[in-house]
Amino acid sequence: MRSMTVKSTVEKLSPTRVRINVEVPFTEWEGEFDRALKEMAKSVRMPGFRPGKVPVKLLEARIDKEAMLDQVVGEAVPSKYSEAVTTADVRPLGQPDIEITKKVYGEDLEFTAEVDVRPEIELPDLVGLKITVDPSRCPTRRSTPSCRTCAPGSAR
């Protein structure tokens, strides 16, 4: 279940393009970091431990945190982007251009997403609009094969 605590603001760049600034509290994506560590612990081999039985704390001390952070952020951003789009009531057209602006373990994750959106179109009031239709006429008075549908009494 999503918790919808993603903070987002929308900047209108043009009538058909917006920038969404997203801030994800660390508590929102910390669980994904822990899950990734547990998954990695299942497949890592380390001397003195059976395969898949490496303690997560020991693994956390020995791995490259930056690489792990990149992986977790890469997996977290699409779902957090979707939450931000839903919260901000943006109707995107196509894939966003995402730029990570702040990515530090233990701090909030910040990124921007630029995406094309549907333009807002205001329709005029149609209540007072009058439409006139000219009656159709046959170009000749004779009933020809091309004009039989126009002749009186030939309605089907």
Foldseek 3Di string as FASTA:
>chain_A
DDDLPKDWDWDDPDLFKIKIKIKAFLVRLVVLLVVVLLVVLQADDDPPDDRSGDDSVVVVVPDDVVVSQVVSCVVPVVVRVVSSCVVVVFAFDDAWDKDWDDGDNPGITIIMTMTTGDGDDDDDDCPPDDDDDDDDDDPDPDCDPVCVCVDPPSPD
